[in-house]
Amino acid sequence: MAEDNVIYVGDKEPMSYVLATITQLSEGSDEVTLKARGRAINTAVDAAEITRNRFLTEADIQDITTKTEEIEDEEGGTTNVSAISITLGMSE
């Protein structure tokens, strides 16, 4: 999958990511991946479900991947952070 089809979810409202997802899919992308870490996971799930249930009912969740990433904190130690990737695509 091209990096152009990845939407990184952060602090914005879910509708911002819904609009980005709809735009990517309507411009001809076969699939779009929403990626989030930590507290943004809730927003990514909300955006995927709003897209699927309200706007693009023909869109399907093709893949969901979860993992734990280690990041360095301010003291030089490491902290574990949960991450998710949700891949949406249009059903045929």
PDB file of N, CA and C in Angstrom:
ATOM      1  N   MET A   1       0.851  -1.181   0.000  1.00  0.00           N
ATOM      2  CA  MET A   1       0.000   0.000   0.000  1.00  0.00           C
ATOM      3  C   MET A   1       0.890   1.235   0.000  1.00  0.00           C
ATOM      4  N   ALA A   2       0.508   2.221  -0.759  1.00  0.00           N
ATOM      5  CA  ALA A   2       1.267   3.461  -0.840  1.00  0.00           C
ATOM      6  C   ALA A   2       1.099   4.262   0.440  1.00  0.00           C
ATOM      7  N   GLU A   3       2.130   5.004   0.791  1.00  0.00           N
ATOM      8  CA  GLU A   3       2.090   5.846   1.991  1.00  0.00           C
ATOM      9  C   GLU A   3       1.056   6.956   1.842  1.00  0.00           C
ATOM     10  N   ASP A   4       0.648   7.268   0.606  1.00  0.00           N
ATOM     11  CA  ASP A   4      -0.376   8.288   0.371  1.00  0.00           C
ATOM     12  C   ASP A   4      -1.724   7.874   0.941  1.00  0.00           C
ATOM     13  N   ASN A   5      -1.948   6.590   1.099  1.00  0.00           N
ATOM     14  CA  ASN A   5      -3.235   6.089   1.561  1.00  0.00           C
ATOM     15  C   ASN A   5      -3.279   5.875   3.068  1.00  0.00           C
ATOM     16  N   VAL A   6      -2.331   6.449   3.796  1.00  0.00           N
ATOM     17  CA  VAL A   6      -2.288   6.317   5.249  1.00  0.00           C
ATOM     18  C   VAL A   6      -2.696   7.636   5.877  1.00  0.00           C
ATOM     19  N   ILE A   7      -3.621   7.564   6.831  1.00  0.00           N
ATOM     20  CA  ILE A   7      -4.068   8.743   7.571  1.00  0.00           C
ATOM     21  C   ILE A   7      -3.645   8.542   9.019  1.00  0.00           C
ATOM     22  N   TYR A   8      -2.805   9.447   9.522  1.00  0.00           N
ATOM     23  CA  TYR A   8      -2.349   9.371  10.903  1.00  0.00           C
ATOM     24  C   TYR A   8      -3.326  10.131  11.788  1.00  0.00           C
ATOM     25  N   VAL A   9      -3.910   9.436  12.745  1.00  0.00           N
ATOM     26  CA  VAL A   9      -4.938  10.007  13.611  1.00  0.00           C
ATOM     27  C   VAL A   9      -4.272  10.596  14.846  1.00  0.00           C
ATOM     28  N   GLY A  10      -4.699  11.834  15.180  1.00  0.00           N
ATOM     29  CA  GLY A  10      -4.134  12.530  16.336  1.00  0.00           C
ATOM     30  C   GLY A  10      -5.212  13.165  17.189  1.00  0.00           C
ATOM     31  N   ASP A  11      -5.077  14.476  17.430  1.00  0.00           N
ATOM     32  CA  ASP A  11      -5.934  15.190  18.378  1.00  0.00           C
ATOM     33  C   ASP A  11      -7.181  15.819  17.770  1.00  0.00           C
ATOM     34  N   LYS A  12      -7.334  15.770  16.464  1.00  0.00           N
ATOM     35  CA  LYS A  12      -8.495  16.416  15.838  1.00  0.00           C
ATOM     36  C   LYS A  12      -9.774  15.625  16.125  1.00  0.00           C
ATOM     37  N   GLU A  13     -10.892  16.228  15.773  1.00  0.00           N
ATOM     38  CA  GLU A  13     -12.185  15.567  15.921  1.00  0.00           C
ATOM     39  C   GLU A  13     -12.299  14.414  14.918  1.00  0.00           C
ATOM     40  N   PRO A  14     -13.076  13.382  15.244  1.00  0.00           N
ATOM     41  CA  PRO A  14     -13.207  12.241  14.329  1.00  0.00           C
ATOM     42  C   PRO A  14     -13.682  12.622  12.928  1.00  0.00           C
ATOM     43  N   MET A  15     -14.542  13.632  12.813  1.00  0.00           N
ATOM     44  CA  MET A  15     -15.070  14.010  11.499  1.00  0.00           C
ATOM     45  C   MET A  15     -13.978  14.504  10.555  1.00  0.00           C
ATOM     46  N   SER A  16     -12.895  15.049  11.078  1.00  0.00           N
ATOM     47  CA  SER A  16     -11.770  15.452  10.227  1.00  0.00           C
ATOM     48  C   SER A  16     -11.178  14.235   9.520  1.00  0.00           C
ATOM     49  N   TYR A  17     -11.049  13.137  10.248  1.00  0.00           N
ATOM     50  CA  TYR A  17     -10.491  11.913   9.686  1.00  0.00           C
ATOM     51  C   TYR A  17     -11.504  11.198   8.800  1.00  0.00           C
ATOM     52  N   VAL A  18     -12.797  11.336   9.126  1.00  0.00           N
ATOM     53  CA  VAL A  18     -13.849  10.782   8.268  1.00  0.00           C
ATOM     54  C   VAL A  18     -13.787  11.452   6.899  1.00  0.00           C
ATOM     55  N   LEU A  19     -13.681  12.779   6.883  1.00  0.00           N
ATOM     56  CA  LEU A  19     -13.600  13.522   5.623  1.00  0.00           C
ATOM     57  C   LEU A  19     -12.364  13.113   4.824  1.00  0.00           C
ATOM     58  N   ALA A  20     -11.230  12.966   5.498  1.00  0.00           N
ATOM     59  CA  ALA A  20     -10.005  12.551   4.813  1.00  0.00           C
ATOM     60  C   ALA A  20     -10.157  11.147   4.222  1.00  0.00           C
ATOM     61  N   THR A  21     -10.796  10.257   4.958  1.00  0.00           N
ATOM     62  CA  THR A  21     -11.013   8.890   4.482  1.00  0.00           C
ATOM     63  C   THR A  21     -11.934   8.869   3.271  1.00  0.00           C
ATOM     64  N   ILE A  22     -13.043   9.606   3.353  1.00  0.00           N
ATOM     65  CA  ILE A  22     -13.991   9.666   2.237  1.00  0.00           C
ATOM     66  C   ILE A  22     -13.321  10.254   1.002  1.00  0.00           C
ATOM     67  N   THR A  23     -12.511  11.286   1.194  1.00  0.00           N
ATOM     68  CA  THR A  23     -11.809  11.918   0.078  1.00  0.00           C
ATOM     69  C   THR A  23     -10.870  10.928  -0.602  1.00  0.00           C
ATOM     70  N   GLN A  24     -10.082  10.197   0.191  1.00  0.00           N
ATOM     71  CA  GLN A  24      -9.147   9.218  -0.383  1.00  0.00           C
ATOM     72  C   GLN A  24      -9.880   8.139  -1.169  1.00  0.00           C
ATOM     73  N   LEU A  25     -10.950   7.608  -0.591  1.00  0.00           N
ATOM     74  CA  LEU A  25     -11.675   6.526  -1.259  1.00  0.00           C
ATOM     75  C   LEU A  25     -12.415   7.008  -2.500  1.00  0.00           C
ATOM     76  N   SER A  26     -12.941   8.236  -2.464  1.00  0.00           N
ATOM     77  CA  SER A  26     -13.688   8.736  -3.622  1.00  0.00           C
ATOM     78  C   SER A  26     -12.768   9.171  -4.761  1.00  0.00           C
ATOM     79  N   GLU A  27     -11.493   9.410  -4.467  1.00  0.00           N
ATOM     80  CA  GLU A  27     -10.535   9.773  -5.510  1.00  0.00           C
ATOM     81  C   GLU A  27      -9.911   8.554  -6.173  1.00  0.00           C
ATOM     82  N   GLY A  28     -10.418   7.374  -5.860  1.00  0.00           N
ATOM     83  CA  GLY A  28      -9.965   6.189  -6.568  1.00  0.00           C
ATOM     84  C   GLY A  28      -9.061   5.250  -5.799  1.00  0.00           C
ATOM     85  N   SER A  29      -8.731   5.547  -4.560  1.00  0.00           N
ATOM     86  CA  SER A  29      -7.909   4.623  -3.780  1.00  0.00           C
ATOM     87  C   SER A  29      -8.697   3.357  -3.487  1.00  0.00           C
ATOM     88  N   ASP A  30      -8.030   2.221  -3.584  1.00  0.00           N
ATOM     89  CA  ASP A  30      -8.687   0.950  -3.285  1.00  0.00           C
ATOM     90  C   ASP A  30      -8.904   0.777  -1.790  1.00  0.00           C
ATOM     91  N   GLU A  31      -7.961   1.300  -1.001  1.00  0.00           N
ATOM     92  CA  GLU A  31      -8.057   1.173   0.447  1.00  0.00           C
ATOM     93  C   GLU A  31      -7.356   2.335   1.130  1.00  0.00           C
ATOM     94  N   VAL A  32      -7.757   2.585   2.365  1.00  0.00           N
ATOM     95  CA  VAL A  32      -7.180   3.643   3.190  1.00  0.00           C
ATOM     96  C   VAL A  32      -6.907   3.050   4.562  1.00  0.00           C
ATOM     97  N   THR A  33      -5.762   3.396   5.148  1.00  0.00           N
ATOM     98  CA  THR A  33      -5.415   2.899   6.472  1.00  0.00           C
ATOM     99  C   THR A  33      -5.384   4.049   7.464  1.00  0.00           C
ATOM    100  N   LEU A  34      -6.127   3.889   8.553  1.00  0.00           N
ATOM    101  CA  LEU A  34      -6.091   4.831   9.672  1.00  0.00           C
ATOM    102  C   LEU A  34      -5.118   4.268  10.697  1.00  0.00           C
ATOM    103  N   LYS A  35      -4.110   5.062  11.082  1.00  0.00           N
ATOM    104  CA  LYS A  35      -3.126   4.619  12.067  1.00  0.00           C
ATOM    105  C   LYS A  35      -3.179   5.539  13.272  1.00  0.00           C
ATOM    106  N   ALA A  36      -3.135   4.948  14.467  1.00  0.00           N
ATOM    107  CA  ALA A  36      -3.196   5.743  15.692  1.00  0.00           C
ATOM    108  C   ALA A  36      -2.408   5.052  16.801  1.00  0.00           C
ATOM    109  N   ARG A  37      -1.965   5.869  17.765  1.00  0.00           N
ATOM    110  CA  ARG A  37      -1.284   5.353  18.951  1.00  0.00           C
ATOM    111  C   ARG A  37      -1.911   5.957  20.196  1.00  0.00           C
ATOM    112  N   GLY A  38      -1.866   5.213  21.276  1.00  0.00           N
ATOM    113  CA  GLY A  38      -2.294   5.729  22.576  1.00  0.00           C
ATOM    114  C   GLY A  38      -3.752   6.139  22.617  1.00  0.00           C
ATOM    115  N   ARG A  39      -3.981   7.342  23.149  1.00  0.00           N
ATOM    116  CA  ARG A  39      -5.353   7.827  23.314  1.00  0.00           C
ATOM    117  C   ARG A  39      -6.061   8.111  21.996  1.00  0.00           C
ATOM    118  N   ALA A  40      -5.321   8.238  20.919  1.00  0.00           N
ATOM    119  CA  ALA A  40      -5.927   8.501  19.608  1.00  0.00           C
ATOM    120  C   ALA A  40      -6.587   7.258  19.011  1.00  0.00           C
ATOM    121  N   ILE A  41      -6.384   6.095  19.627  1.00  0.00           N
ATOM    122  CA  ILE A  41      -6.998   4.864  19.125  1.00  0.00           C
ATOM    123  C   ILE A  41      -8.519   4.997  19.120  1.00  0.00           C
ATOM    124  N   ASN A  42      -9.091   5.596  20.167  1.00  0.00           N
ATOM    125  CA  ASN A  42     -10.548   5.795  20.225  1.00  0.00           C
ATOM    126  C   ASN A  42     -11.034   6.603  19.034  1.00  0.00           C
ATOM    127  N   THR A  43     -10.303   7.660  18.700  1.00  0.00           N
ATOM    128  CA  THR A  43     -10.683   8.522  17.583  1.00  0.00           C
ATOM    129  C   THR A  43     -10.614   7.762  16.260  1.00  0.00           C
ATOM    130  N   ALA A  44      -9.593   6.929  16.097  1.00  0.00           N
ATOM    131  CA  ALA A  44      -9.456   6.149  14.861  1.00  0.00           C
ATOM    132  C   ALA A  44     -10.614   5.170  14.694  1.00  0.00           C
ATOM    133  N   VAL A  45     -10.991   4.501  15.778  1.00  0.00           N
ATOM    134  CA  VAL A  45     -12.113   3.558  15.719  1.00  0.00           C
ATOM    135  C   VAL A  45     -13.404   4.312  15.419  1.00  0.00           C
ATOM    136  N   ASP A  46     -13.615   5.457  16.079  1.00  0.00           N
ATOM    137  CA  ASP A  46     -14.811   6.268  15.819  1.00  0.00           C
ATOM    138  C   ASP A  46     -14.870   6.711  14.359  1.00  0.00           C
ATOM    139  N   ALA A  47     -13.740   7.181  13.829  1.00  0.00           N
ATOM    140  CA  ALA A  47     -13.706   7.650  12.441  1.00  0.00           C
ATOM    141  C   ALA A  47     -14.024   6.513  11.468  1.00  0.00           C
ATOM    142  N   ALA A  48     -13.474   5.335  11.714  1.00  0.00           N
ATOM    143  CA  ALA A  48     -13.742   4.189  10.838  1.00  0.00           C
ATOM    144  C   ALA A  48     -15.215   3.796  10.890  1.00  0.00           C
ATOM    145  N   GLU A  49     -15.788   3.772  12.075  1.00  0.00           N
ATOM    146  CA  GLU A  49     -17.192   3.371  12.216  1.00  0.00           C
ATOM    147  C   GLU A  49     -18.147   4.417  11.652  1.00  0.00           C
ATOM    148  N   ILE A  50     -17.849   5.693  11.846  1.00  0.00           N
ATOM    149  CA  ILE A  50     -18.689   6.756  11.275  1.00  0.00           C
ATOM    150  C   ILE A  50     -18.642   6.683   9.751  1.00  0.00           C
ATOM    151  N   THR A  51     -17.447   6.489   9.208  1.00  0.00           N
ATOM    152  CA  THR A  51     -17.301   6.379   7.753  1.00  0.00           C
ATOM    153  C   THR A  51     -18.133   5.223   7.217  1.00  0.00           C
ATOM    154  N   ARG A  52     -18.010   4.078   7.863  1.00  0.00           N
ATOM    155  CA  ARG A  52     -18.670   2.857   7.406  1.00  0.00           C
ATOM    156  C   ARG A  52     -20.182   2.886   7.590  1.00  0.00           C
ATOM    157  N   ASN A  53     -20.652   3.415   8.689  1.00  0.00           N
ATOM    158  CA  ASN A  53     -22.083   3.334   9.009  1.00  0.00           C
ATOM    159  C   ASN A  53     -22.908   4.512   8.516  1.00  0.00           C
ATOM    160  N   ARG A  54     -22.292   5.701   8.412  1.00  0.00           N
ATOM    161  CA  ARG A  54     -23.070   6.883   8.054  1.00  0.00           C
ATOM    162  C   ARG A  54     -22.874   7.354   6.626  1.00  0.00           C
ATOM    163  N   PHE A  55     -21.663   7.258   6.112  1.00  0.00           N
ATOM    164  CA  PHE A  55     -21.355   7.897   4.833  1.00  0.00           C
ATOM    165  C   PHE A  55     -21.103   6.916   3.699  1.00  0.00           C
ATOM    166  N   LEU A  56     -20.245   5.964   3.895  1.00  0.00           N
ATOM    167  CA  LEU A  56     -19.918   4.994   2.843  1.00  0.00           C
ATOM    168  C   LEU A  56     -20.319   3.600   3.312  1.00  0.00           C
ATOM    169  N   THR A  57     -21.591   3.297   3.168  1.00  0.00           N
ATOM    170  CA  THR A  57     -22.073   2.007   3.662  1.00  0.00           C
ATOM    171  C   THR A  57     -21.505   0.833   2.866  1.00  0.00           C
ATOM    172  N   GLU A  58     -20.971   1.110   1.680  1.00  0.00           N
ATOM    173  CA  GLU A  58     -20.346   0.040   0.900  1.00  0.00           C
ATOM    174  C   GLU A  58     -18.879  -0.175   1.279  1.00  0.00           C
ATOM    175  N   ALA A  59     -18.360   0.598   2.217  1.00  0.00           N
ATOM    176  CA  ALA A  59     -16.986   0.418   2.690  1.00  0.00           C
ATOM    177  C   ALA A  59     -16.945  -0.698   3.733  1.00  0.00           C
ATOM    178  N   ASP A  60     -15.892  -1.485   3.677  1.00  0.00           N
ATOM    179  CA  ASP A  60     -15.701  -2.589   4.618  1.00  0.00           C
ATOM    180  C   ASP A  60     -14.368  -2.437   5.328  1.00  0.00           C
ATOM    181  N   ILE A  61     -14.307  -2.972   6.537  1.00  0.00           N
ATOM    182  CA  ILE A  61     -13.031  -3.058   7.238  1.00  0.00           C
ATOM    183  C   ILE A  61     -12.320  -4.292   6.698  1.00  0.00           C
ATOM    184  N   GLN A  62     -11.171  -4.069   6.077  1.00  0.00           N
ATOM    185  CA  GLN A  62     -10.432  -5.174   5.468  1.00  0.00           C
ATOM    186  C   GLN A  62      -9.418  -5.785   6.422  1.00  0.00           C
ATOM    187  N   ASP A  63      -8.876  -4.965   7.329  1.00  0.00           N
ATOM    188  CA  ASP A  63      -7.848  -5.473   8.237  1.00  0.00           C
ATOM    189  C   ASP A  63      -7.764  -4.571   9.458  1.00  0.00           C
ATOM    190  N   ILE A  64      -7.536  -5.179  10.608  1.00  0.00           N
ATOM    191  CA  ILE A  64      -7.245  -4.440  11.836  1.00  0.00           C
ATOM    192  C   ILE A  64      -6.011  -5.078  12.448  1.00  0.00           C
ATOM    193  N   THR A  65      -4.995  -4.264  12.718  1.00  0.00           N
ATOM    194  CA  THR A  65      -3.756  -4.745  13.306  1.00  0.00           C
ATOM    195  C   THR A  65      -3.469  -3.949  14.567  1.00  0.00           C
ATOM    196  N   THR A  66      -3.168  -4.652  15.649  1.00  0.00           N
ATOM    197  CA  THR A  66      -2.770  -3.983  16.888  1.00  0.00           C
ATOM    198  C   THR A  66      -1.351  -4.401  17.231  1.00  0.00           C
ATOM    199  N   LYS A  67      -0.655  -3.507  17.912  1.00  0.00           N
ATOM    200  CA  LYS A  67       0.704  -3.823  18.347  1.00  0.00           C
ATOM    201  C   LYS A  67       1.085  -2.908  19.502  1.00  0.00           C
ATOM    202  N   THR A  68       2.219  -3.183  20.098  1.00  0.00           N
ATOM    203  CA  THR A  68       2.772  -2.349  21.157  1.00  0.00           C
ATOM    204  C   THR A  68       4.114  -1.820  20.683  1.00  0.00           C
ATOM    205  N   GLU A  69       4.278  -0.499  20.751  1.00  0.00           N
ATOM    206  CA  GLU A  69       5.526   0.132  20.336  1.00  0.00           C
ATOM    207  C   GLU A  69       6.255   0.656  21.564  1.00  0.00           C
ATOM    208  N   GLU A  70       7.569   0.539  21.546  1.00  0.00           N
ATOM    209  CA  GLU A  70       8.386   1.102  22.617  1.00  0.00           C
ATOM    210  C   GLU A  70       8.884   2.469  22.176  1.00  0.00           C
ATOM    211  N   ILE A  71       8.635   3.488  23.007  1.00  0.00           N
ATOM    212  CA  ILE A  71       9.142   4.827  22.716  1.00  0.00           C
ATOM    213  C   ILE A  71       9.966   5.298  23.904  1.00  0.00           C
ATOM    214  N   GLU A  72      10.919   6.183  23.633  1.00  0.00           N
ATOM    215  CA  GLU A  72      11.759   6.718  24.706  1.00  0.00           C
ATOM    216  C   GLU A  72      11.044   7.850  25.410  1.00  0.00           C
ATOM    217  N   ASP A  73      11.130   7.858  26.753  1.00  0.00           N
ATOM    218  CA  ASP A  73      10.546   8.960  27.512  1.00  0.00           C
ATOM    219  C   ASP A  73      11.622   9.992  27.826  1.00  0.00           C
ATOM    220  N   GLU A  74      11.244  11.039  28.557  1.00  0.00           N
ATOM    221  CA  GLU A  74      12.165  12.151  28.834  1.00  0.00           C
ATOM    222  C   GLU A  74      13.371  11.730  29.665  1.00  0.00           C
ATOM    223  N   GLU A  75      13.204  10.724  30.525  1.00  0.00           N
ATOM    224  CA  GLU A  75      14.306  10.291  31.393  1.00  0.00           C
ATOM    225  C   GLU A  75      15.269   9.332  30.701  1.00  0.00           C
ATOM    226  N   GLY A  76      15.011   8.996  29.453  1.00  0.00           N
ATOM    227  CA  GLY A  76      15.879   8.091  28.718  1.00  0.00           C
ATOM    228  C   GLY A  76      15.431   6.642  28.776  1.00  0.00           C
ATOM    229  N   GLY A  77      14.385   6.349  29.535  1.00  0.00           N
ATOM    230  CA  GLY A  77      13.842   4.995  29.599  1.00  0.00           C
ATOM    231  C   GLY A  77      12.890   4.748  28.449  1.00  0.00           C
ATOM    232  N   THR A  78      12.242   3.615  28.485  1.00  0.00           N
ATOM    233  CA  THR A  78      11.279   3.301  27.436  1.00  0.00           C
ATOM    234  C   THR A  78       9.888   3.131  28.034  1.00  0.00           C
ATOM    235  N   THR A  79       8.897   3.457  27.229  1.00  0.00           N
ATOM    236  CA  THR A  79       7.493   3.317  27.600  1.00  0.00           C
ATOM    237  C   THR A  79       6.788   2.552  26.493  1.00  0.00           C
ATOM    238  N   ASN A  80       5.890   1.678  26.882  1.00  0.00           N
ATOM    239  CA  ASN A  80       5.100   0.935  25.898  1.00  0.00           C
ATOM    240  C   ASN A  80       3.852   1.726  25.538  1.00  0.00           C
ATOM    241  N   VAL A  81       3.570   1.819  24.241  1.00  0.00           N
ATOM    242  CA  VAL A  81       2.391   2.525  23.744  1.00  0.00           C
ATOM    243  C   VAL A  81       1.657   1.598  22.776  1.00  0.00           C
ATOM    244  N   SER A  82       0.353   1.472  22.967  1.00  0.00           N
ATOM    245  CA  SER A  82      -0.462   0.660  22.061  1.00  0.00           C
ATOM    246  C   SER A  82      -0.662   1.394  20.744  1.00  0.00           C
ATOM    247  N   ALA A  83      -0.773   0.635  19.659  1.00  0.00           N
ATOM    248  CA  ALA A  83      -0.998   1.218  18.331  1.00  0.00           C
ATOM    249  C   ALA A  83      -1.993   0.345  17.575  1.00  0.00           C
ATOM    250  N   ILE A  84      -2.722   0.982  16.653  1.00  0.00           N
ATOM    251  CA  ILE A  84      -3.700   0.265  15.836  1.00  0.00           C
ATOM    252  C   ILE A  84      -3.626   0.766  14.399  1.00  0.00           C
ATOM    253  N   SER A  85      -3.873  -0.138  13.463  1.00  0.00           N
ATOM    254  CA  SER A  85      -4.015   0.199  12.043  1.00  0.00           C
ATOM    255  C   SER A  85      -5.326  -0.408  11.569  1.00  0.00           C
ATOM    256  N   ILE A  86      -6.205   0.441  11.025  1.00  0.00           N
ATOM    257  CA  ILE A  86      -7.497  -0.007  10.521  1.00  0.00           C
ATOM    258  C   ILE A  86      -7.521   0.269   9.023  1.00  0.00           C
ATOM    259  N   THR A  87      -7.664  -0.774   8.221  1.00  0.00           N
ATOM    260  CA  THR A  87      -7.693  -0.629   6.771  1.00  0.00           C
ATOM    261  C   THR A  87      -9.131  -0.736   6.279  1.00  0.00           C
ATOM    262  N   LEU A  88      -9.582   0.322   5.599  1.00  0.00           N
ATOM    263  CA  LEU A  88     -10.920   0.369   5.012  1.00  0.00           C
ATOM    264  C   LEU A  88     -10.801   0.283   3.500  1.00  0.00           C
ATOM    265  N   GLY A  89     -11.713  -0.434   2.884  1.00  0.00           N
ATOM    266  CA  GLY A  89     -11.745  -0.526   1.430  1.00  0.00           C
ATOM    267  C   GLY A  89     -13.176  -0.631   0.948  1.00  0.00           C
ATOM    268  N   MET A  90     -13.364  -0.358  -0.316  1.00  0.00           N
ATOM    269  CA  MET A  90     -14.699  -0.423  -0.901  1.00  0.00           C
ATOM    270  C   MET A  90     -15.006  -1.865  -1.296  1.00  0.00           C
ATOM    271  N   SER A  91     -16.184  -2.346  -0.915  1.00  0.00           N
ATOM    272  CA  SER A  91     -16.594  -3.694  -1.312  1.00  0.00           C
ATOM    273  C   SER A  91     -17.045  -3.663  -2.768  1.00  0.00           C
ATOM    274  N   GLU A  92     -16.876  -4.764  -3.442  1.00  0.00           N
ATOM    275  CA  GLU A  92     -17.181  -4.809  -4.874  1.00  0.00           C
ATOM    276  C   GLU A  92     -18.555  -5.327  -5.144  1.00  0.00           C
TER     277      GLU A  92
END
